[in-house]
C-alpha cells in the first residue's frame, strides 16, 4: 500500500513508520489502516470514538463541563451536528460568506501589491481568520488576533505535564494563551451576542446554556480546524501551482467547478492532517483485501489518510500523480474525514482557497520566492509550509 515516492507529485512527503500493509498492527499493538474502503467504513460505522487530537487532556475535565464537539461521540454529538449543520450548507456559504471571502481576498491581494512581496502564510491566515470568525461569531475582538493564534498554535508543541521543566513551561504557556484569546476575542464576542442575538455558532452555544469556558473551547476547536488547516492548504496548493506550469494553466483557464476539482485532487494527494486515531468501544470487523479482521474493544486504530487516499482500488492508476477529476465520487478522499466527524467546513475551506488563489494567480508576473520549508506535527501527520513568499515584478506593484 505504501507507494514508491520517486514517481510522486507530493511536496510534503511524510516519513513512513510501521507496517506497510493495508491493515496491520504496529509494534505497540495499535492497528494501522491504509486501505481506503476499510478506513472509510471505520469512520462511518459504529463502535469507535475519537482518540488523539488532545482528547486525553480533555477527558480529564470535570464531567459537568461540556466537551467541544470534536471530542464528543454518540447521540449528543449527532444532535449538535444536526442543529449546527445550517451554518455550513453550500447555499449558506454562497449567500452569506462568499462576498466576505472576496472582500478579504481582495484586501490581501492589495496588501501584496502595496508591499511587492509577502509571506503567503500571512496572507492566507488573514483570510482564514476572517472567514471562520464570521461563521463562529468572533467579530468583536481586539486587534492582533493573528498574533494571539500564532502563539496558541506554534510551529512546535511541547508535551503537557508537571513532571518536567519542559512540561511545566508548556502548561503555563498554553494557559496564558488561552487567557489572552478569552479576554481579547471570545469574551467580547459573548457579551455582544448576549446583548443581541446573531445567526452564528456563538449564539447557538449561548442558547444551549454553554458557559464562557465551554464557548472558548468550541471557538479554539474551530480555530484549529478552520483557520490553521486552511492556511496550510492554501500554501501547499499555491506551491504546486507555482511549480507546475501545466497545472497552473489548467487552473487559470477552468471555471470554478474545474478549479475546485484541482484543489480537491491536491488535497486528496496531500491531506493537511495525515493521521486520525479512533478507539474501539466494541469489536469491529474490517473488510480488508486479505480477508476480514476483527479489532477488539478498547483497542486503538490509526488511519493513514495520505495512504488511503492513494489506494489505487479507490482512485485509479498512478495515484501519486495529479489528475484533476480522476475520481469525482472520491473527490478529496478522506482528507476531511468521513462519517459523523467529517469536517463540516469542507465546502468553506475549498471555496475560500479558490477565491484567494484565483485572484493571486490572476496577477501578472506573480512568482514564488525560493523553495519553502516543510515541518511536521508527527502526532497528526500534519504538515506546515513556511518560508513561501510571493512577489510581484515592479511593474505590478503600486
Protein backbone atom coordinates (compact mmCIF):
# COMPACT_ATOMS: atom_id res chain seq x y z
CA UNK A 1 0.00 0.00 0.00
CA UNK A 2 2.91 2.39 0.58
CA UNK A 3 3.97 3.52 -2.88
CA UNK A 4 7.30 4.46 -4.42
CA UNK A 5 7.67 8.19 -3.76
CA UNK A 6 10.09 8.54 -6.69
CA UNK A 7 7.14 8.93 -9.05
CA UNK A 8 5.19 11.14 -6.69
CA UNK A 9 3.96 14.70 -7.19
CA UNK A 10 3.85 15.25 -3.44
CA UNK A 11 5.58 18.29 -1.99
CA UNK A 12 5.19 17.37 1.68
CA UNK A 13 6.37 13.76 1.75
CA UNK A 14 5.68 12.31 5.17
CA UNK A 15 8.02 9.88 6.85
CA UNK A 16 6.72 6.31 6.92
CA UNK A 17 6.68 4.16 10.04
CA UNK A 18 5.21 0.80 10.97
CA UNK A 19 3.58 -1.75 8.70
CA UNK A 20 3.09 -1.05 5.02
CA UNK A 21 0.16 -3.49 4.82
CA UNK A 22 -3.36 -2.20 4.04
CA UNK A 23 -4.39 -3.27 7.55
CA UNK A 24 -1.93 -4.44 10.17
CA UNK A 25 -0.58 -3.86 13.67
CA UNK A 26 2.33 -1.75 14.81
CA UNK A 27 4.84 -2.90 17.40
CA UNK A 28 2.87 -1.19 20.17
CA UNK A 29 -0.33 -3.07 19.23
CA UNK A 30 -2.04 -0.14 17.52
CA UNK A 31 -3.97 -1.15 14.41
CA UNK A 32 -2.89 0.72 11.28
CA UNK A 33 -5.26 1.15 8.35
CA UNK A 34 -4.08 2.28 4.92
CA UNK A 35 -6.86 0.75 2.82
CA UNK A 36 -9.39 3.33 1.58
CA UNK A 37 -12.52 1.18 1.91
CA UNK A 38 -11.58 -0.09 5.37
CA UNK A 39 -10.74 3.40 6.61
CA UNK A 40 -13.98 4.87 5.30
CA UNK A 41 -16.04 2.04 6.78
CA UNK A 42 -14.41 2.53 10.17
CA UNK A 43 -15.11 6.28 10.14
CA UNK A 44 -18.70 5.80 9.06
CA UNK A 45 -19.60 2.84 11.20
CA UNK A 46 -20.45 2.43 14.89
CA UNK A 47 -18.22 1.03 17.59
CA UNK A 48 -15.47 3.65 17.77
CA UNK A 49 -14.89 7.02 19.44
CA UNK A 50 -12.39 9.81 18.92
CA UNK A 51 -8.83 9.35 20.10
CA UNK A 52 -5.76 11.55 19.75
CA UNK A 53 -6.05 15.28 18.92
CA UNK A 54 -5.55 16.06 22.62
CA UNK A 55 -8.61 14.11 23.75
CA UNK A 56 -6.65 12.56 26.61
CA UNK A 57 -6.29 16.03 28.15
CA UNK A 58 -9.94 16.91 27.52
CA UNK A 59 -11.08 13.71 29.24
CA UNK A 60 -9.54 14.99 32.48
CA UNK A 61 -12.04 17.85 32.63
CA UNK A 62 -14.82 17.57 35.25
CA UNK A 63 -17.83 15.58 33.97
CA UNK A 64 -20.10 18.62 34.26
CA UNK A 65 -18.01 20.54 31.68
CA UNK A 66 -19.34 20.13 28.15
CA UNK A 67 -16.66 18.92 25.74
CA UNK A 68 -16.10 20.65 22.38
CA UNK A 69 -17.93 18.87 19.57
CA UNK A 70 -14.70 17.40 18.19
CA UNK A 71 -14.31 15.34 21.37
CA UNK A 72 -17.87 14.02 21.62
CA UNK A 73 -19.48 10.95 20.09
CA UNK A 74 -22.83 9.25 20.01
CA UNK A 75 -26.31 10.84 20.24
CA UNK A 76 -25.08 14.08 21.84
CA UNK A 77 -22.60 14.62 19.02
CA UNK A 78 -25.13 13.78 16.31
CA UNK A 79 -27.67 16.21 17.77
CA UNK A 80 -25.13 19.03 17.93
CA UNK A 81 -24.13 18.43 14.31
CA UNK A 82 -27.78 18.34 13.25
CA UNK A 83 -28.52 21.67 14.93
CA UNK A 84 -25.46 23.45 13.55
CA UNK A 85 -25.49 21.98 10.03
CA UNK A 86 -27.28 25.07 8.73
CA UNK A 87 -24.14 27.17 9.24
CA UNK A 88 -22.19 25.10 6.71
CA UNK A 89 -24.55 24.25 3.86
CA UNK A 90 -23.33 25.14 0.34
CA UNK A 91 -26.27 27.53 -0.06
CA UNK A 92 -25.45 29.40 3.13
CA UNK A 93 -21.77 29.51 2.24
CA UNK A 94 -22.64 31.03 -1.13
CA UNK A 95 -25.19 33.50 0.23
CA UNK A 96 -23.52 34.53 3.50
CA UNK A 97 -19.78 34.02 3.17
CA UNK A 98 -18.77 34.30 -0.50
CA UNK A 99 -18.83 38.11 -0.55
CA UNK A 100 -16.77 38.15 2.65
CA UNK A 101 -14.23 35.78 1.10
CA UNK A 102 -13.97 38.00 -1.96
CA UNK A 103 -13.53 41.15 0.11
CA UNK A 104 -10.80 39.69 2.33
CA UNK A 105 -9.03 38.06 -0.63
CA UNK A 106 -9.04 41.38 -2.48
CA UNK A 107 -7.62 43.08 0.63
CA UNK A 108 -4.79 40.58 0.83
CA UNK A 109 -4.01 40.93 -2.87
CA UNK A 110 -3.98 44.71 -2.42
CA UNK A 111 -1.56 44.31 0.50
CA UNK A 112 0.69 42.21 -1.71
CA UNK A 113 0.57 44.82 -4.45
CA UNK A 114 1.50 47.54 -1.99
CA UNK A 115 4.39 45.61 -0.45
CA UNK A 116 5.57 43.90 -3.61
CA UNK A 117 6.39 40.75 -1.63
CA UNK A 118 4.79 38.96 1.30
CA UNK A 119 4.79 35.62 3.15
CA UNK A 120 1.92 33.61 1.70
CA UNK A 121 1.16 32.09 5.11
CA UNK A 122 0.39 35.60 6.45
CA UNK A 123 -1.97 36.42 3.59
CA UNK A 124 -3.68 33.03 3.86
CA UNK A 125 -4.04 33.24 7.63
CA UNK A 126 -5.73 36.64 7.43
CA UNK A 127 -8.25 35.17 5.00
CA UNK A 128 -8.91 32.07 7.10
CA UNK A 129 -9.24 34.08 10.32
CA UNK A 130 -11.73 36.47 8.74
CA UNK A 131 -13.93 33.74 7.29
CA UNK A 132 -14.01 31.46 10.34
CA UNK A 133 -14.56 34.44 12.66
CA UNK A 134 -17.72 35.27 10.72
CA UNK A 135 -19.02 31.69 10.86
CA UNK A 136 -18.32 31.35 14.57
CA UNK A 137 -19.15 34.92 15.62
CA UNK A 138 -15.71 36.16 16.64
CA UNK A 139 -16.03 39.58 15.07
CA UNK A 140 -15.81 41.79 18.16
CA UNK A 141 -12.27 41.14 19.33
CA UNK A 142 -9.33 43.47 19.79
CA UNK A 143 -6.70 43.94 17.07
CA UNK A 144 -3.93 41.34 17.00
CA UNK A 145 -5.90 38.10 16.76
CA UNK A 146 -3.44 36.62 14.28
CA UNK A 147 -0.56 37.02 16.71
CA UNK A 148 -2.60 35.52 19.55
CA UNK A 149 -3.47 32.49 17.42
CA UNK A 150 0.12 32.05 16.26
CA UNK A 151 1.17 31.88 19.91
CA UNK A 152 -1.51 29.31 20.63
CA UNK A 153 -0.65 27.19 17.59
CA UNK A 154 3.16 27.40 17.40
CA UNK A 155 5.32 25.51 14.92
CA UNK A 156 6.50 23.16 17.67
CA UNK A 157 4.38 21.88 20.55
CA UNK A 158 5.74 20.74 23.87
CA UNK A 159 4.40 17.83 25.84
CA UNK A 160 2.00 18.75 28.66
CA UNK A 161 2.67 17.65 32.19
CA UNK A 162 4.01 18.77 35.55
CA UNK A 163 6.84 16.27 35.86
CA UNK A 164 9.46 18.20 33.87
CA UNK A 165 10.55 21.78 33.30
CA UNK A 166 9.53 21.49 29.64
CA UNK A 167 6.10 20.15 30.60
CA UNK A 168 5.52 22.90 33.18
CA UNK A 169 6.57 25.53 30.64
CA UNK A 170 4.14 24.08 28.09
CA UNK A 171 1.31 24.08 30.65
CA UNK A 172 1.93 27.67 31.74
CA UNK A 173 2.36 28.96 28.19
CA UNK A 174 -0.81 27.34 26.85
CA UNK A 175 -2.93 28.50 29.77
CA UNK A 176 -1.60 32.02 29.30
CA UNK A 177 -2.52 31.86 25.63
CA UNK A 178 -6.00 30.53 26.44
CA UNK A 179 -6.48 33.54 28.72
CA UNK A 180 -5.28 36.01 26.08
CA UNK A 181 -7.73 34.68 23.49
CA UNK A 182 -10.56 34.55 26.00
CA UNK A 183 -10.09 38.14 27.18
CA UNK A 184 -9.37 39.69 23.79
CA UNK A 185 -11.60 37.69 21.44
CA UNK A 186 -14.11 35.32 22.99
CA UNK A 187 -15.39 37.33 25.96
CA UNK A 188 -16.14 40.45 23.85
CA UNK A 189 -17.99 38.25 21.36
CA UNK A 190 -20.03 36.55 24.10
CA UNK A 191 -21.03 39.92 25.58
CA UNK A 192 -22.09 41.23 22.17
CA UNK A 193 -24.11 38.10 21.47
CA UNK A 194 -25.84 38.27 24.84
CA UNK A 195 -26.95 41.82 24.04
CA UNK A 196 -28.15 40.98 20.53
CA UNK A 197 -28.83 37.53 19.10
CA UNK A 198 -26.87 36.58 15.97
CA UNK A 199 -27.31 33.75 13.49
CA UNK A 200 -23.98 32.07 14.17
CA UNK A 201 -22.31 29.42 16.30
CA UNK A 202 -21.76 31.51 19.44
CA UNK A 203 -25.43 32.48 19.62
CA UNK A 204 -26.33 28.81 19.25
CA UNK A 205 -23.97 27.86 22.09
CA UNK A 206 -25.39 30.58 24.34
CA UNK A 207 -28.92 29.33 23.63
CA UNK A 208 -27.72 25.84 24.58
CA UNK A 209 -26.68 27.18 28.00
CA UNK A 210 -22.92 26.82 27.49
CA UNK A 211 -20.58 28.56 29.89
CA UNK A 212 -17.95 31.05 28.75
CA UNK A 213 -15.25 28.40 29.20
CA UNK A 214 -17.19 25.91 27.08
CA UNK A 215 -17.69 28.50 24.34
CA UNK A 216 -13.95 29.26 24.46
CA UNK A 217 -13.21 25.57 23.93
CA UNK A 218 -15.50 25.39 20.89
CA UNK A 219 -14.00 28.57 19.43
CA UNK A 220 -10.46 27.24 19.75
CA UNK A 221 -11.52 23.95 18.18
CA UNK A 222 -12.90 25.80 15.17
CA UNK A 223 -9.79 28.00 15.06
CA UNK A 224 -7.60 24.92 14.75
CA UNK A 225 -9.90 23.10 12.33
CA UNK A 226 -10.84 26.05 10.13
CA UNK A 227 -8.07 28.61 10.33
CA UNK A 228 -4.79 26.75 10.70
CA UNK A 229 -5.55 23.88 8.34
CA UNK A 230 -6.89 26.19 5.61
CA UNK A 231 -3.76 28.33 5.84
CA UNK A 232 -1.57 25.29 5.32
CA UNK A 233 -3.60 24.01 2.38
CA UNK A 234 -3.58 27.39 0.63
CA UNK A 235 0.20 27.43 0.89
CA UNK A 236 0.57 23.86 -0.33
CA UNK A 237 -1.83 24.34 -3.26
CA UNK A 238 -0.02 27.53 -4.30
CA UNK A 239 3.32 25.70 -4.12
CA UNK A 240 2.00 23.05 -6.51
CA UNK A 241 0.63 25.65 -8.91
CA UNK A 242 3.82 27.70 -8.89
CA UNK A 243 5.83 24.54 -9.59
CA UNK A 244 3.71 23.02 -12.38
CA UNK A 245 3.12 25.28 -15.37
CA UNK A 246 0.68 22.85 -16.99
CA UNK A 247 -1.40 22.54 -13.84
CA UNK A 248 -1.39 26.32 -13.40
CA UNK A 249 -2.59 26.84 -16.98
CA UNK A 250 -5.35 24.31 -16.36
CA UNK A 251 -6.36 26.06 -13.13
CA UNK A 252 -6.35 29.53 -14.68
CA UNK A 253 -8.46 28.50 -17.68
CA UNK A 254 -11.02 26.43 -15.76
CA UNK A 255 -14.35 27.62 -14.39
CA UNK A 256 -14.99 27.48 -10.65
CA UNK A 257 -16.09 23.84 -10.78
CA UNK A 258 -12.92 22.90 -12.62
CA UNK A 259 -10.71 24.88 -10.23
CA UNK A 260 -12.33 23.21 -7.24
CA UNK A 261 -11.61 19.84 -8.85
CA UNK A 262 -7.92 20.79 -9.00
CA UNK A 263 -7.93 21.74 -5.33
CA UNK A 264 -9.74 18.55 -4.33
CA UNK A 265 -7.15 16.48 -6.17
CA UNK A 266 -4.29 18.31 -4.45
CA UNK A 267 -5.96 17.77 -1.08
CA UNK A 268 -6.52 14.09 -1.86
CA UNK A 269 -2.85 13.72 -2.60
CA UNK A 270 -1.68 15.74 0.41
CA UNK A 271 -4.24 15.94 3.24
CA UNK A 272 -3.32 18.59 5.78
CA UNK A 273 -3.93 16.11 8.60
CA UNK A 274 -2.48 12.77 7.57
CA UNK A 275 -3.45 10.58 10.55
CA UNK A 276 -6.64 10.07 12.53
CA UNK A 277 -6.97 7.88 15.62
CA UNK A 278 -10.02 6.05 16.91
CA UNK A 279 -10.63 3.85 19.94
CA UNK A 280 -13.00 0.93 19.66
CA UNK A 281 -15.84 0.56 22.16
CA UNK A 282 -16.85 -2.86 20.86
CA UNK A 283 -15.49 -5.47 18.49
CA UNK A 284 -15.27 -4.03 14.97
CA UNK A 285 -14.80 -6.14 11.85
CA UNK A 286 -12.94 -4.59 8.94
CA UNK A 287 -13.32 -5.97 5.44
CA UNK A 288 -9.78 -5.97 4.05
CA UNK A 289 -8.15 -7.10 0.80
CA UNK A 290 -6.68 -10.17 2.53
CA UNK A 291 -9.91 -11.07 4.30
CA UNK A 292 -11.79 -9.60 7.27
CA UNK A 293 -10.01 -8.79 10.53
CA UNK A 294 -11.55 -8.10 13.93
CA UNK A 295 -10.40 -5.24 16.13
CA UNK A 296 -11.22 -5.94 19.76
CA UNK A 297 -12.92 -3.49 22.11
CA UNK A 298 -10.65 -0.90 23.74
CA UNK A 299 -8.02 -1.06 21.00
CA UNK A 300 -6.61 1.90 19.10
CA UNK A 301 -6.75 2.30 15.35
CA UNK A 302 -4.64 4.78 13.40
CA UNK A 303 -5.92 5.74 9.97
CA UNK A 304 -3.25 6.84 7.50
CA UNK A 305 -5.29 9.16 5.31
CA UNK A 306 -2.42 10.03 3.00
CA UNK A 307 -2.01 6.34 2.15
CA UNK A 308 -5.74 5.58 1.99
CA UNK A 309 -6.21 8.48 -0.42
CA UNK A 310 -3.69 6.90 -2.78
CA UNK A 311 -5.25 3.44 -2.75
CA UNK A 312 -5.47 2.58 -6.47
CA UNK A 313 -8.57 0.46 -5.85
CA UNK A 314 -10.37 3.71 -4.92
CA UNK A 315 -8.70 6.40 -7.06
CA UNK A 316 -7.29 4.53 -10.05
CA UNK A 317 -3.87 4.17 -11.61
CA UNK A 318 -0.88 6.39 -10.79
CA UNK A 319 -2.44 7.54 -7.51
CA UNK A 320 0.57 9.67 -6.55
CA UNK A 321 0.20 11.88 -9.62
CA UNK A 322 -2.16 14.84 -10.03
CA UNK A 323 -5.17 14.08 -12.20
CA UNK A 324 -7.98 16.59 -11.55
CA UNK A 325 -11.37 14.93 -11.78
CA UNK A 326 -9.83 11.44 -11.75
CA UNK A 327 -12.50 10.05 -9.40
CA UNK A 328 -15.37 12.50 -8.88
CA UNK A 329 -17.05 10.19 -6.40
CA UNK A 330 -13.88 10.25 -4.28
CA UNK A 331 -13.08 13.96 -4.60
CA UNK A 332 -10.68 14.91 -1.83
CA UNK A 333 -10.81 11.36 -0.47
CA UNK A 334 -10.77 11.14 3.30
CA UNK A 335 -8.91 14.43 3.75
CA UNK A 336 -11.89 15.96 5.56
CA UNK A 337 -12.52 12.75 7.50
CA UNK A 338 -15.79 10.88 6.99
CA UNK A 339 -18.85 9.76 8.88
CA UNK A 340 -20.20 11.65 11.90
CA UNK A 341 -16.96 13.58 12.39
CA UNK A 342 -16.47 14.65 8.77
CA UNK A 343 -15.33 18.27 8.75
CA UNK A 344 -18.46 20.45 8.45
CA UNK A 345 -16.47 23.29 6.90
CA UNK A 346 -15.15 21.34 3.91
CA UNK A 347 -17.01 23.44 1.35
CA UNK A 348 -15.98 26.66 3.08
CA UNK A 349 -12.31 25.71 3.06
CA UNK A 350 -12.25 24.74 -0.62
CA UNK A 351 -14.19 27.81 -1.75
CA UNK A 352 -12.13 30.34 0.19
CA UNK A 353 -8.95 28.69 -1.11
CA UNK A 354 -10.19 29.08 -4.67
CA UNK A 355 -11.41 32.64 -4.15
CA UNK A 356 -7.97 33.65 -2.95
CA UNK A 357 -5.78 31.62 -5.32
CA UNK A 358 -7.80 32.54 -8.42
CA UNK A 359 -7.09 36.18 -7.60
CA UNK A 360 -3.47 35.61 -6.69
CA UNK A 361 -2.71 33.81 -9.96
CA UNK A 362 -4.56 36.45 -11.97
CA UNK A 363 -1.75 38.88 -11.09
CA UNK A 364 0.73 39.44 -13.91
CA UNK A 365 4.17 38.11 -13.12
CA UNK A 366 3.38 36.74 -9.67
CA UNK A 367 6.11 34.34 -8.64
CA UNK A 368 7.29 32.25 -5.72
CA UNK A 369 10.39 33.48 -3.93
CA UNK A 370 12.55 30.43 -3.26
CA UNK A 371 11.69 26.95 -2.07
CA UNK A 372 9.61 26.82 1.11
CA UNK A 373 10.40 24.51 4.01
CA UNK A 374 8.13 21.81 5.41
CA UNK A 375 7.75 20.95 9.08
CA UNK A 376 5.58 18.19 10.52
CA UNK A 377 3.33 17.65 13.51
CA UNK A 378 4.07 13.97 14.00
CA UNK A 379 1.09 13.25 16.25
CA UNK A 380 -1.39 14.02 13.47
CA UNK A 381 0.83 13.59 10.42
CA UNK A 382 0.22 17.25 9.65
CA UNK A 383 2.44 19.49 7.57
CA UNK A 384 3.28 23.17 7.94
CA UNK A 385 4.51 25.17 4.95
CA UNK A 386 6.83 28.02 5.92
CA UNK A 387 9.06 30.42 4.04
CA UNK A 388 6.85 30.53 0.95
CA UNK A 389 6.91 34.15 -0.22
CA UNK A 390 5.03 35.56 -3.18
CA UNK A 391 6.36 38.52 -5.12
CA UNK A 392 5.38 40.79 -7.99
CA UNK A 393 7.56 42.48 -10.58
CA UNK A 394 7.94 46.22 -10.00
CA UNK A 395 5.53 46.95 -12.83
CA UNK A 396 2.81 45.02 -10.97
CA UNK A 397 3.22 46.96 -7.74
CA UNK A 398 1.68 50.21 -6.70
